[in-house]
Amino acid sequence: MKQKIAVLGPGSWGTALAKVLVENGHDVTIWGREVDQIAEINQQHTNQHYLPDLLLPLELKAEYDLKTAVTGADAILFVVPTKAIRSVAAQLVAVLDTKPVIIHASKGLEQGTHKRISQVLMEEIPADKRQDVVVLSGPSHAEEVAVRDITTITAASKNLKYAEYVQQLFMNDYFRIYTNDDVIGVETGAALKNIIALGSGAIHGLGFGDNAKAAIMTRGLAEISRLGVAMGADPLTFIGMSGVGDLIVTCTSVHSRNWRAGDLLGRGHNLQEVLDNMGMIVEGVSTTKAAYELSQELNVEMPITETIYKVLYEGADVQEAAKLIMLRDGRSEKEF
């Protein structure tokens, strides 16, 4: 059934997801704040800064007025940076004329509160203004989805009826959606894998090989699981799409901006130089701070996250930090 969908955030991932929805026959409007970017999407049918040389569907509409973008929407998809989620949600409430399903495909933890994105959305958008909040996450690069590479991700909601609704919105012959009722696990895996991707990139930048990369991914997954379970997640979620799946794709590809940022850190660039070079949000940087603080609150041991935190926020030398983490006391692999 054709649905009217507003996509909030015309970055690479928001644009790629909007393209999927249009190709599935839905009426899609993408909203953003940059007038020139909105004009480019409408007139040139491109979004060159985020997805160079990709021709977008003629049916995709772009809008910089939020009220116009969401009028009559059956579903609203948030794909804005984590730091903007709360403010955009507050703006949305003031202009809603329907009771839509709220979907988010952003990955991070809110600074200060350490809350998951769905928690922020539920706080800002009252229950009488929405149907449900569904998380859309998994191993996916926008650059590959945009050219119809085979991709599988997860739609998560405590109410599987709404996860299945999102599944039906997005499913086609190159984009497959699985459902899950573990919202905490899916969001935690999505956020924390960006931290490990920074470390994986740094390992590459330092010149270490595949052994080291395998080590940081495997032990990184152990950290993600420990914190996730402490937050109430199902441990089985972390061996699924939004756990090990997302970790693999983010820790091994030059498409990953977190991996690229880590690679630059490993090559000796300081954090500000890295962020200036990237030109886009690197969610793993802020997530490292939030996850480190949360691990301290919950008394969860996360040595890789702590090491990356010290490199990012305390000026620790990345090569020395890699050496020190290897010299930690020996322990059983089965310790959780």
C-alpha atoms as a PDB file:
ATOM      1  CA  MET A   1       0.000   0.000   0.000  1.00  0.00           C
ATOM      2  CA  LYS A   2       1.356   3.405  -0.980  1.00  0.00           C
ATOM      3  CA  GLN A   3       2.296   5.528   2.025  1.00  0.00           C
ATOM      4  CA  LYS A   4       3.213   9.183   2.458  1.00  0.00           C
ATOM      5  CA  ILE A   5       6.595   9.379   4.171  1.00  0.00           C
ATOM      6  CA  ALA A   6       8.708  12.316   5.340  1.00  0.00           C
ATOM      7  CA  VAL A   7      12.455  11.728   5.659  1.00  0.00           C
ATOM      8  CA  LEU A   8      14.127  14.204   8.012  1.00  0.00           C
ATOM      9  CA  GLY A   9      17.786  14.600   7.076  1.00  0.00           C
ATOM     10  CA  PRO A  10      19.194  14.759   3.527  1.00  0.00           C
ATOM     11  CA  GLY A  11      22.624  13.316   4.347  1.00  0.00           C
ATOM     12  CA  SER A  12      23.964  10.208   2.627  1.00  0.00           C
ATOM     13  CA  TRP A  13      21.904   7.706   4.644  1.00  0.00           C
ATOM     14  CA  GLY A  14      18.707   9.752   4.603  1.00  0.00           C
ATOM     15  CA  THR A  15      18.994  10.215   0.843  1.00  0.00           C
ATOM     16  CA  ALA A  16      19.688   6.519   0.225  1.00  0.00           C
ATOM     17  CA  LEU A  17      16.712   5.453   2.349  1.00  0.00           C
ATOM     18  CA  ALA A  18      14.473   8.007   0.648  1.00  0.00           C
ATOM     19  CA  LYS A  19      15.530   6.550  -2.699  1.00  0.00           C
ATOM     20  CA  VAL A  20      14.580   3.029  -1.538  1.00  0.00           C
ATOM     21  CA  LEU A  21      11.156   4.250  -0.429  1.00  0.00           C
ATOM     22  CA  VAL A  22      10.503   6.054  -3.721  1.00  0.00           C
ATOM     23  CA  GLU A  23      11.534   2.966  -5.676  1.00  0.00           C
ATOM     24  CA  ASN A  24       9.043   0.982  -3.570  1.00  0.00           C
ATOM     25  CA  GLY A  25       6.256   3.230  -4.810  1.00  0.00           C
ATOM     26  CA  HIS A  26       5.779   5.522  -1.802  1.00  0.00           C
ATOM     27  CA  ASP A  27       5.182   9.283  -1.804  1.00  0.00           C
ATOM     28  CA  VAL A  28       8.395  10.623  -0.247  1.00  0.00           C
ATOM     29  CA  THR A  29       9.516  14.099   0.791  1.00  0.00           C
ATOM     30  CA  ILE A  30      12.986  14.677   2.229  1.00  0.00           C
ATOM     31  CA  TRP A  31      13.467  17.634   4.563  1.00  0.00           C
ATOM     32  CA  GLY A  32      16.621  19.628   5.244  1.00  0.00           C
ATOM     33  CA  ARG A  33      17.740  23.061   6.381  1.00  0.00           C
ATOM     34  CA  GLU A  34      20.119  23.974   3.535  1.00  0.00           C
ATOM     35  CA  VAL A  35      18.214  25.858   0.842  1.00  0.00           C
ATOM     36  CA  ASP A  36      20.848  25.191  -1.832  1.00  0.00           C
ATOM     37  CA  GLN A  37      20.844  21.465  -1.112  1.00  0.00           C
ATOM     38  CA  ILE A  38      17.051  21.277  -1.276  1.00  0.00           C
ATOM     39  CA  ALA A  39      17.095  23.169  -4.572  1.00  0.00           C
ATOM     40  CA  GLU A  40      19.733  20.789  -5.954  1.00  0.00           C
ATOM     41  CA  ILE A  41      17.661  17.722  -5.105  1.00  0.00           C
ATOM     42  CA  ASN A  42      14.530  19.235  -6.671  1.00  0.00           C
ATOM     43  CA  GLN A  43      16.125  20.728  -9.764  1.00  0.00           C
ATOM     44  CA  GLN A  44      19.203  18.613 -10.522  1.00  0.00           C
ATOM     45  CA  HIS A  45      18.000  15.406  -8.847  1.00  0.00           C
ATOM     46  CA  THR A  46      21.408  14.978  -7.224  1.00  0.00           C
ATOM     47  CA  ASN A  47      22.956  15.358  -3.749  1.00  0.00           C
ATOM     48  CA  GLN A  48      26.572  15.709  -4.751  1.00  0.00           C
ATOM     49  CA  HIS A  49      28.101  16.472  -1.361  1.00  0.00           C
ATOM     50  CA  TYR A  50      26.843  13.214   0.136  1.00  0.00           C
ATOM     51  CA  LEU A  51      26.335  10.855  -2.812  1.00  0.00           C
ATOM     52  CA  PRO A  52      28.437  12.148  -5.715  1.00  0.00           C
ATOM     53  CA  ASP A  53      27.311  11.358  -9.261  1.00  0.00           C
ATOM     54  CA  LEU A  54      24.154   9.551  -8.136  1.00  0.00           C
ATOM     55  CA  LEU A  55      20.990  10.434 -10.046  1.00  0.00           C
ATOM     56  CA  LEU A  56      18.006  10.523  -7.691  1.00  0.00           C
ATOM     57  CA  PRO A  57      14.457   9.528  -8.689  1.00  0.00           C
ATOM     58  CA  LEU A  58      12.477  12.338 -10.271  1.00  0.00           C
ATOM     59  CA  GLU A  59       9.617  11.512  -7.894  1.00  0.00           C
ATOM     60  CA  LEU A  60      11.676  12.365  -4.781  1.00  0.00           C
ATOM     61  CA  LYS A  61      10.640  15.766  -3.461  1.00  0.00           C
ATOM     62  CA  ALA A  62      12.766  17.941  -1.179  1.00  0.00           C
ATOM     63  CA  GLU A  63      11.469  20.606   1.204  1.00  0.00           C
ATOM     64  CA  TYR A  64      13.043  23.055   3.665  1.00  0.00           C
ATOM     65  CA  ASP A  65       9.785  23.922   5.441  1.00  0.00           C
ATOM     66  CA  LEU A  66       9.190  21.238   8.073  1.00  0.00           C
ATOM     67  CA  LYS A  67       5.415  21.692   8.247  1.00  0.00           C
ATOM     68  CA  THR A  68       5.075  21.269   4.496  1.00  0.00           C
ATOM     69  CA  ALA A  69       7.332  18.218   4.525  1.00  0.00           C
ATOM     70  CA  VAL A  70       5.362  16.306   7.178  1.00  0.00           C
ATOM     71  CA  THR A  71       1.799  17.327   6.302  1.00  0.00           C
ATOM     72  CA  GLY A  72      -0.306  14.199   5.877  1.00  0.00           C
ATOM     73  CA  ALA A  73       2.574  11.841   6.650  1.00  0.00           C
ATOM     74  CA  ASP A  74       1.822   8.204   7.519  1.00  0.00           C
ATOM     75  CA  ALA A  75       5.415   7.730   8.694  1.00  0.00           C
ATOM     76  CA  ILE A  76       8.273  10.065   9.565  1.00  0.00           C
ATOM     77  CA  LEU A  77      11.863   8.842   9.325  1.00  0.00           C
ATOM     78  CA  PHE A  78      14.552  10.606  11.398  1.00  0.00           C
ATOM     79  CA  VAL A  79      18.023  10.450   9.839  1.00  0.00           C
ATOM     80  CA  VAL A  80      19.583  13.520  11.464  1.00  0.00           C
ATOM     81  CA  PRO A  81      22.720  13.527  13.655  1.00  0.00           C
ATOM     82  CA  THR A  82      22.173  12.333  17.221  1.00  0.00           C
ATOM     83  CA  LYS A  83      22.837  15.791  18.642  1.00  0.00           C
ATOM     84  CA  ALA A  84      19.960  17.209  16.572  1.00  0.00           C
ATOM     85  CA  ILE A  85      17.345  14.533  17.369  1.00  0.00           C
ATOM     86  CA  ARG A  86      15.790  16.257  20.391  1.00  0.00           C
ATOM     87  CA  SER A  87      15.526  19.708  18.823  1.00  0.00           C
ATOM     88  CA  VAL A  88      14.104  18.424  15.525  1.00  0.00           C
ATOM     89  CA  ALA A  89      11.595  16.244  17.391  1.00  0.00           C
ATOM     90  CA  ALA A  90      10.456  19.258  19.408  1.00  0.00           C
ATOM     91  CA  GLN A  91       9.971  21.254  16.202  1.00  0.00           C
ATOM     92  CA  LEU A  92       8.061  18.365  14.660  1.00  0.00           C
ATOM     93  CA  VAL A  93       5.483  18.167  17.444  1.00  0.00           C
ATOM     94  CA  ALA A  94       4.452  21.762  16.796  1.00  0.00           C
ATOM     95  CA  VAL A  95       3.553  21.087  13.134  1.00  0.00           C
ATOM     96  CA  LEU A  96       2.166  17.523  13.116  1.00  0.00           C
ATOM     97  CA  ASP A  97      -1.283  17.108  11.568  1.00  0.00           C
ATOM     98  CA  THR A  98      -1.341  13.298  11.665  1.00  0.00           C
ATOM     99  CA  LYS A  99      -0.432  10.540  14.132  1.00  0.00           C
ATOM    100  CA  PRO A 100       2.446   8.929  12.223  1.00  0.00           C
ATOM    101  CA  VAL A 101       4.704   5.986  12.878  1.00  0.00           C
ATOM    102  CA  ILE A 102       8.060   7.449  13.933  1.00  0.00           C
ATOM    103  CA  ILE A 103      11.111   5.648  12.546  1.00  0.00           C
ATOM    104  CA  HIS A 104      14.738   6.492  13.205  1.00  0.00           C
ATOM    105  CA  ALA A 105      17.878   5.366  11.409  1.00  0.00           C
ATOM    106  CA  SER A 106      20.392   7.438  13.386  1.00  0.00           C
ATOM    107  CA  LYS A 107      23.113   5.812  15.499  1.00  0.00           C
ATOM    108  CA  GLY A 108      24.371   7.246  18.764  1.00  0.00           C
ATOM    109  CA  LEU A 109      23.735   8.119  22.401  1.00  0.00           C
ATOM    110  CA  GLU A 110      22.648  11.567  23.565  1.00  0.00           C
ATOM    111  CA  GLN A 111      25.396  13.545  25.243  1.00  0.00           C
ATOM    112  CA  GLY A 112      24.853  14.263  28.928  1.00  0.00           C
ATOM    113  CA  THR A 113      21.791  12.066  29.391  1.00  0.00           C
ATOM    114  CA  HIS A 114      23.342   8.981  27.680  1.00  0.00           C
ATOM    115  CA  LYS A 115      19.855   8.129  26.427  1.00  0.00           C
ATOM    116  CA  ARG A 116      19.142   6.045  23.362  1.00  0.00           C
ATOM    117  CA  ILE A 117      17.573   7.833  20.409  1.00  0.00           C
ATOM    118  CA  SER A 118      14.198   6.125  20.770  1.00  0.00           C
ATOM    119  CA  GLN A 119      14.049   7.313  24.385  1.00  0.00           C
ATOM    120  CA  VAL A 120      14.663  10.898  23.266  1.00  0.00           C
ATOM    121  CA  LEU A 121      11.991  10.637  20.586  1.00  0.00           C
ATOM    122  CA  MET A 122       9.435   9.213  23.011  1.00  0.00           C
ATOM    123  CA  GLU A 123      10.161  12.013  25.472  1.00  0.00           C
ATOM    124  CA  GLU A 124       9.771  14.759  22.873  1.00  0.00           C
ATOM    125  CA  ILE A 125       6.879  13.323  20.842  1.00  0.00           C
ATOM    126  CA  PRO A 126       3.934  12.518  23.162  1.00  0.00           C
ATOM    127  CA  ALA A 127       2.151   9.183  22.763  1.00  0.00           C
ATOM    128  CA  ASP A 128      -0.997  10.916  21.505  1.00  0.00           C
ATOM    129  CA  LYS A 129       1.034  12.425  18.626  1.00  0.00           C
ATOM    130  CA  ARG A 130       2.517   9.158  17.265  1.00  0.00           C
ATOM    131  CA  GLN A 131       1.745   5.505  16.645  1.00  0.00           C
ATOM    132  CA  ASP A 132       5.054   4.005  17.781  1.00  0.00           C
ATOM    133  CA  VAL A 133       8.810   4.489  17.539  1.00  0.00           C
ATOM    134  CA  VAL A 134      10.697   1.963  15.382  1.00  0.00           C
ATOM    135  CA  VAL A 135      14.476   1.616  15.059  1.00  0.00           C
ATOM    136  CA  LEU A 136      15.955   0.881  11.623  1.00  0.00           C
ATOM    137  CA  SER A 137      19.561  -0.298  11.844  1.00  0.00           C
ATOM    138  CA  GLY A 138      22.119  -2.781  10.585  1.00  0.00           C
ATOM    139  CA  PRO A 139      25.154  -3.327   8.333  1.00  0.00           C
ATOM    140  CA  SER A 140      24.668  -0.782   5.583  1.00  0.00           C
ATOM    141  CA  HIS A 141      26.662   1.809   3.693  1.00  0.00           C
ATOM    142  CA  ALA A 142      24.566   4.497   2.045  1.00  0.00           C
ATOM    143  CA  GLU A 143      26.853   4.443  -0.986  1.00  0.00           C
ATOM    144  CA  GLU A 144      26.015   0.785  -1.616  1.00  0.00           C
ATOM    145  CA  VAL A 145      22.295   0.970  -0.862  1.00  0.00           C
ATOM    146  CA  ALA A 146      22.016   3.909  -3.250  1.00  0.00           C
ATOM    147  CA  VAL A 147      23.275   1.741  -6.139  1.00  0.00           C
ATOM    148  CA  ARG A 148      21.082  -1.217  -5.099  1.00  0.00           C
ATOM    149  CA  ASP A 149      23.750  -3.464  -3.633  1.00  0.00           C
ATOM    150  CA  ILE A 150      22.215  -6.311  -1.627  1.00  0.00           C
ATOM    151  CA  THR A 151      21.707  -5.159   1.977  1.00  0.00           C
ATOM    152  CA  THR A 152      20.007  -6.633   5.056  1.00  0.00           C
ATOM    153  CA  ILE A 153      19.129  -4.652   8.191  1.00  0.00           C
ATOM    154  CA  THR A 154      16.734  -4.762  11.158  1.00  0.00           C
ATOM    155  CA  ALA A 155      13.528  -2.959  12.141  1.00  0.00           C
ATOM    156  CA  ALA A 156      13.024  -3.086  15.906  1.00  0.00           C
ATOM    157  CA  SER A 157      10.025  -2.243  18.076  1.00  0.00           C
ATOM    158  CA  LYS A 158       8.579  -3.685  21.264  1.00  0.00           C
ATOM    159  CA  ASN A 159       5.352  -3.951  19.282  1.00  0.00           C
ATOM    160  CA  LEU A 160       6.220  -6.208  16.332  1.00  0.00           C
ATOM    161  CA  LYS A 161       3.185  -4.917  14.435  1.00  0.00           C
ATOM    162  CA  TYR A 162       5.046  -1.672  13.798  1.00  0.00           C
ATOM    163  CA  ALA A 163       8.374  -3.367  13.061  1.00  0.00           C
ATOM    164  CA  GLU A 164       6.522  -5.394  10.428  1.00  0.00           C
ATOM    165  CA  TYR A 165       4.987  -2.181   9.038  1.00  0.00           C
ATOM    166  CA  VAL A 166       8.474  -0.735   8.548  1.00  0.00           C
ATOM    167  CA  GLN A 167       9.618  -4.053   7.088  1.00  0.00           C
ATOM    168  CA  GLN A 168       6.918  -3.790   4.437  1.00  0.00           C
ATOM    169  CA  LEU A 169       7.763  -0.160   3.660  1.00  0.00           C
ATOM    170  CA  PHE A 170      11.374  -0.919   2.812  1.00  0.00           C
ATOM    171  CA  MET A 171      11.580  -4.544   1.597  1.00  0.00           C
ATOM    172  CA  ASN A 172      12.475  -5.197  -2.036  1.00  0.00           C
ATOM    173  CA  ASP A 173      14.804  -7.395  -4.081  1.00  0.00           C
ATOM    174  CA  TYR A 174      17.994  -5.657  -2.885  1.00  0.00           C
ATOM    175  CA  PHE A 175      16.984  -4.319   0.533  1.00  0.00           C
ATOM    176  CA  ARG A 176      15.873  -6.948   3.063  1.00  0.00           C
ATOM    177  CA  ILE A 177      14.515  -6.146   6.537  1.00  0.00           C
ATOM    178  CA  TYR A 178      14.365  -8.482   9.530  1.00  0.00           C
ATOM    179  CA  THR A 179      12.223  -7.666  12.580  1.00  0.00           C
ATOM    180  CA  ASN A 180      13.287  -7.664  16.221  1.00  0.00           C
ATOM    181  CA  ASP A 181      11.591  -6.695  19.500  1.00  0.00           C
ATOM    182  CA  ASP A 182      14.861  -5.857  21.319  1.00  0.00           C
ATOM    183  CA  VAL A 183      15.012  -2.089  20.842  1.00  0.00           C
ATOM    184  CA  ILE A 184      17.718  -1.653  23.495  1.00  0.00           C
ATOM    185  CA  GLY A 185      20.025  -4.194  21.865  1.00  0.00           C
ATOM    186  CA  VAL A 186      19.550  -2.890  18.339  1.00  0.00           C
ATOM    187  CA  GLU A 187      20.181   0.736  19.337  1.00  0.00           C
ATOM    188  CA  THR A 188      23.134  -0.130  21.573  1.00  0.00           C
ATOM    189  CA  GLY A 189      24.822  -2.202  18.887  1.00  0.00           C
ATOM    190  CA  ALA A 190      24.238   0.556  16.332  1.00  0.00           C
ATOM    191  CA  ALA A 191      25.760   3.241  18.530  1.00  0.00           C
ATOM    192  CA  LEU A 192      28.710   1.420  20.063  1.00  0.00           C
ATOM    193  CA  LYS A 193      30.059  -0.188  16.901  1.00  0.00           C
ATOM    194  CA  ASN A 194      31.143   3.296  15.799  1.00  0.00           C
ATOM    195  CA  ILE A 195      33.555   3.392  18.748  1.00  0.00           C
ATOM    196  CA  ILE A 196      35.128   0.100  17.750  1.00  0.00           C
ATOM    197  CA  ALA A 197      35.322   1.303  14.136  1.00  0.00           C
ATOM    198  CA  LEU A 198      37.422   4.249  15.307  1.00  0.00           C
ATOM    199  CA  GLY A 199      39.751   1.767  16.979  1.00  0.00           C
ATOM    200  CA  SER A 200      39.835  -0.502  13.948  1.00  0.00           C
ATOM    201  CA  GLY A 201      40.746   2.417  11.735  1.00  0.00           C
ATOM    202  CA  ALA A 202      43.449   3.492  14.162  1.00  0.00           C
ATOM    203  CA  ILE A 203      44.906  -0.031  14.097  1.00  0.00           C
ATOM    204  CA  HIS A 204      45.139   0.249  10.304  1.00  0.00           C
ATOM    205  CA  GLY A 205      46.631   3.725  10.471  1.00  0.00           C
ATOM    206  CA  LEU A 206      49.295   2.474  12.886  1.00  0.00           C
ATOM    207  CA  GLY A 207      50.280  -0.156  10.352  1.00  0.00           C
ATOM    208  CA  PHE A 208      49.071  -3.283  12.155  1.00  0.00           C
ATOM    209  CA  GLY A 209      47.645  -6.197  10.180  1.00  0.00           C
ATOM    210  CA  ASP A 210      44.617  -8.455  10.069  1.00  0.00           C
ATOM    211  CA  ASN A 211      45.383 -10.200  13.364  1.00  0.00           C
ATOM    212  CA  ALA A 212      45.046  -6.930  15.245  1.00  0.00           C
ATOM    213  CA  LYS A 213      41.889  -5.974  13.358  1.00  0.00           C
ATOM    214  CA  ALA A 214      40.266  -9.303  14.204  1.00  0.00           C
ATOM    215  CA  ALA A 215      41.233  -8.842  17.845  1.00  0.00           C
ATOM    216  CA  ILE A 216      39.724  -5.380  18.228  1.00  0.00           C
ATOM    217  CA  MET A 217      36.493  -6.387  16.479  1.00  0.00           C
ATOM    218  CA  THR A 218      36.054  -9.534  18.569  1.00  0.00           C
ATOM    219  CA  ARG A 219      36.889  -7.938  21.905  1.00  0.00           C
ATOM    220  CA  GLY A 220      34.929  -4.862  20.848  1.00  0.00           C
ATOM    221  CA  LEU A 221      31.849  -7.016  20.402  1.00  0.00           C
ATOM    222  CA  ALA A 222      32.382  -8.356  23.923  1.00  0.00           C
ATOM    223  CA  GLU A 223      32.370  -4.779  25.253  1.00  0.00           C
ATOM    224  CA  ILE A 224      29.268  -3.848  23.297  1.00  0.00           C
ATOM    225  CA  SER A 225      27.480  -6.915  24.654  1.00  0.00           C
ATOM    226  CA  ARG A 226      28.516  -6.206  28.253  1.00  0.00           C
ATOM    227  CA  LEU A 227      27.181  -2.675  28.221  1.00  0.00           C
ATOM    228  CA  GLY A 228      24.091  -3.619  26.235  1.00  0.00           C
ATOM    229  CA  VAL A 229      23.135  -6.403  28.629  1.00  0.00           C
ATOM    230  CA  ALA A 230      23.675  -4.062  31.589  1.00  0.00           C
ATOM    231  CA  MET A 231      21.199  -1.698  29.913  1.00  0.00           C
ATOM    232  CA  GLY A 232      18.635  -4.479  29.501  1.00  0.00           C
ATOM    233  CA  ALA A 233      19.380  -5.872  26.020  1.00  0.00           C
ATOM    234  CA  ASP A 234      19.032  -9.476  24.896  1.00  0.00           C
ATOM    235  CA  PRO A 235      22.595 -10.828  24.399  1.00  0.00           C
ATOM    236  CA  LEU A 236      21.482 -12.737  21.296  1.00  0.00           C
ATOM    237  CA  THR A 237      20.843  -9.436  19.504  1.00  0.00           C
ATOM    238  CA  PHE A 238      24.579  -8.822  19.364  1.00  0.00           C
ATOM    239  CA  ILE A 239      25.208 -11.834  17.128  1.00  0.00           C
ATOM    240  CA  GLY A 240      22.649 -10.459  14.654  1.00  0.00           C
ATOM    241  CA  MET A 241      22.481  -7.754  12.018  1.00  0.00           C
ATOM    242  CA  SER A 242      22.702  -4.779  14.365  1.00  0.00           C
ATOM    243  CA  GLY A 243      25.493  -6.398  16.407  1.00  0.00           C
ATOM    244  CA  VAL A 244      28.213  -8.369  14.674  1.00  0.00           C
ATOM    245  CA  GLY A 245      26.810  -7.519  11.233  1.00  0.00           C
ATOM    246  CA  ASP A 246      27.029  -3.762  11.699  1.00  0.00           C
ATOM    247  CA  LEU A 247      30.374  -4.130  13.470  1.00  0.00           C
ATOM    248  CA  ILE A 248      31.935  -5.967  10.528  1.00  0.00           C
ATOM    249  CA  VAL A 249      30.790  -3.536   7.875  1.00  0.00           C
ATOM    250  CA  THR A 250      31.767  -0.445   9.885  1.00  0.00           C
ATOM    251  CA  CYS A 251      35.182  -1.761  10.961  1.00  0.00           C
ATOM    252  CA  THR A 252      36.368  -2.986   7.566  1.00  0.00           C
ATOM    253  CA  SER A 253      35.344  -0.464   4.923  1.00  0.00           C
ATOM    254  CA  VAL A 254      36.640   2.838   3.606  1.00  0.00           C
ATOM    255  CA  HIS A 255      32.970   3.833   3.242  1.00  0.00           C
ATOM    256  CA  SER A 256      32.836   4.090   7.056  1.00  0.00           C
ATOM    257  CA  ARG A 257      33.581   7.628   8.177  1.00  0.00           C
ATOM    258  CA  ASN A 258      34.343   6.321  11.690  1.00  0.00           C
ATOM    259  CA  TRP A 259      36.929   3.910  10.262  1.00  0.00           C
ATOM    260  CA  ARG A 260      38.435   6.688   8.138  1.00  0.00           C
ATOM    261  CA  ALA A 261      38.580   9.000  11.156  1.00  0.00           C
ATOM    262  CA  GLY A 262      40.344   6.314  13.191  1.00  0.00           C
ATOM    263  CA  ASP A 263      42.786   5.692  10.347  1.00  0.00           C
ATOM    264  CA  LEU A 264      43.760   9.363  10.382  1.00  0.00           C
ATOM    265  CA  LEU A 265      44.218   9.259  14.169  1.00  0.00           C
ATOM    266  CA  GLY A 266      46.489   6.252  13.762  1.00  0.00           C
ATOM    267  CA  ARG A 267      48.546   8.151  11.191  1.00  0.00           C
ATOM    268  CA  GLY A 268      49.258  10.877  13.732  1.00  0.00           C
ATOM    269  CA  HIS A 269      46.593  13.515  13.098  1.00  0.00           C
ATOM    270  CA  ASN A 270      44.959  15.146  16.101  1.00  0.00           C
ATOM    271  CA  LEU A 271      41.209  15.021  16.625  1.00  0.00           C
ATOM    272  CA  GLN A 272      40.470  18.494  15.288  1.00  0.00           C
ATOM    273  CA  GLU A 273      42.470  17.823  12.129  1.00  0.00           C
ATOM    274  CA  VAL A 274      40.533  14.595  11.651  1.00  0.00           C
ATOM    275  CA  LEU A 275      37.130  16.246  12.057  1.00  0.00           C
ATOM    276  CA  ASP A 276      38.100  19.081   9.722  1.00  0.00           C
ATOM    277  CA  ASN A 277      39.256  16.562   7.134  1.00  0.00           C
ATOM    278  CA  MET A 278      36.080  14.464   7.281  1.00  0.00           C
ATOM    279  CA  GLY A 279      33.606  17.252   6.524  1.00  0.00           C
ATOM    280  CA  MET A 280      30.749  15.144   7.942  1.00  0.00           C
ATOM    281  CA  ILE A 281      29.567  14.087  11.400  1.00  0.00           C
ATOM    282  CA  VAL A 282      31.675  11.303  12.937  1.00  0.00           C
ATOM    283  CA  GLU A 283      29.191   9.866  15.425  1.00  0.00           C
ATOM    284  CA  GLY A 284      31.764   7.604  17.082  1.00  0.00           C
ATOM    285  CA  VAL A 285      33.590  10.581  18.594  1.00  0.00           C
ATOM    286  CA  SER A 286      30.664  11.798  20.700  1.00  0.00           C
ATOM    287  CA  THR A 287      29.428   8.249  21.311  1.00  0.00           C
ATOM    288  CA  THR A 288      32.805   7.331  22.824  1.00  0.00           C
ATOM    289  CA  LYS A 289      32.337  10.003  25.473  1.00  0.00           C
ATOM    290  CA  ALA A 290      28.749   9.009  26.237  1.00  0.00           C
ATOM    291  CA  ALA A 291      29.536   5.281  26.354  1.00  0.00           C
ATOM    292  CA  TYR A 292      32.601   5.771  28.550  1.00  0.00           C
ATOM    293  CA  GLU A 293      30.600   7.851  31.030  1.00  0.00           C
ATOM    294  CA  LEU A 294      27.754   5.331  30.953  1.00  0.00           C
ATOM    295  CA  SER A 295      30.146   2.430  31.554  1.00  0.00           C
ATOM    296  CA  GLN A 296      31.438   4.236  34.640  1.00  0.00           C
ATOM    297  CA  GLU A 297      27.884   4.738  35.924  1.00  0.00           C
ATOM    298  CA  LEU A 298      26.942   1.093  35.351  1.00  0.00           C
ATOM    299  CA  ASN A 299      30.320  -0.277  36.493  1.00  0.00           C
ATOM    300  CA  VAL A 300      30.874  -2.093  33.180  1.00  0.00           C
ATOM    301  CA  GLU A 301      34.445  -2.772  32.098  1.00  0.00           C
ATOM    302  CA  MET A 302      35.130  -1.439  28.573  1.00  0.00           C
ATOM    303  CA  PRO A 303      38.903  -1.243  28.069  1.00  0.00           C
ATOM    304  CA  ILE A 304      38.817  -0.518  24.323  1.00  0.00           C
ATOM    305  CA  THR A 305      36.257   2.252  24.766  1.00  0.00           C
ATOM    306  CA  GLU A 306      38.253   3.671  27.683  1.00  0.00           C
ATOM    307  CA  THR A 307      41.442   3.636  25.606  1.00  0.00           C
ATOM    308  CA  ILE A 308      39.789   5.420  22.687  1.00  0.00           C
ATOM    309  CA  TYR A 309      38.266   7.937  25.103  1.00  0.00           C
ATOM    310  CA  LYS A 310      41.738   8.737  26.439  1.00  0.00           C
ATOM    311  CA  VAL A 311      43.073   9.242  22.917  1.00  0.00           C
ATOM    312  CA  LEU A 312      40.163  11.480  21.887  1.00  0.00           C
ATOM    313  CA  TYR A 313      39.596  13.488  25.055  1.00  0.00           C
ATOM    314  CA  GLU A 314      42.760  13.281  27.151  1.00  0.00           C
ATOM    315  CA  GLY A 315      45.402  13.533  24.442  1.00  0.00           C
ATOM    316  CA  ALA A 316      46.862  10.054  24.960  1.00  0.00           C
ATOM    317  CA  ASP A 317      49.317   8.907  22.306  1.00  0.00           C
ATOM    318  CA  VAL A 318      47.531   6.401  20.074  1.00  0.00           C
ATOM    319  CA  GLN A 319      50.540   4.101  19.622  1.00  0.00           C
ATOM    320  CA  GLU A 320      51.303   4.022  23.341  1.00  0.00           C
ATOM    321  CA  ALA A 321      47.629   3.423  24.086  1.00  0.00           C
ATOM    322  CA  ALA A 322      47.609   0.383  21.782  1.00  0.00           C
ATOM    323  CA  LYS A 323      50.635  -1.022  23.598  1.00  0.00           C
ATOM    324  CA  LEU A 324      49.161  -0.485  27.065  1.00  0.00           C
ATOM    325  CA  ILE A 325      45.908  -2.258  26.272  1.00  0.00           C
ATOM    326  CA  MET A 326      47.912  -5.319  25.215  1.00  0.00           C
ATOM    327  CA  LEU A 327      49.698  -5.329  28.581  1.00  0.00           C
ATOM    328  CA  ARG A 328      46.542  -5.560  30.679  1.00  0.00           C
ATOM    329  CA  ASP A 329      46.333  -8.450  33.148  1.00  0.00           C
ATOM    330  CA  GLY A 330      45.589 -11.830  31.572  1.00  0.00           C
ATOM    331  CA  ARG A 331      42.073 -13.257  31.909  1.00  0.00           C
ATOM    332  CA  SER A 332      39.679 -15.887  30.591  1.00  0.00           C
ATOM    333  CA  GLU A 333      37.967 -15.190  27.291  1.00  0.00           C
ATOM    334  CA  LYS A 334      34.688 -16.358  28.864  1.00  0.00           C
ATOM    335  CA  GLU A 335      34.674 -13.600  31.490  1.00  0.00           C
ATOM    336  CA  PHE A 336      31.684 -11.379  30.895  1.00  0.00           C
END
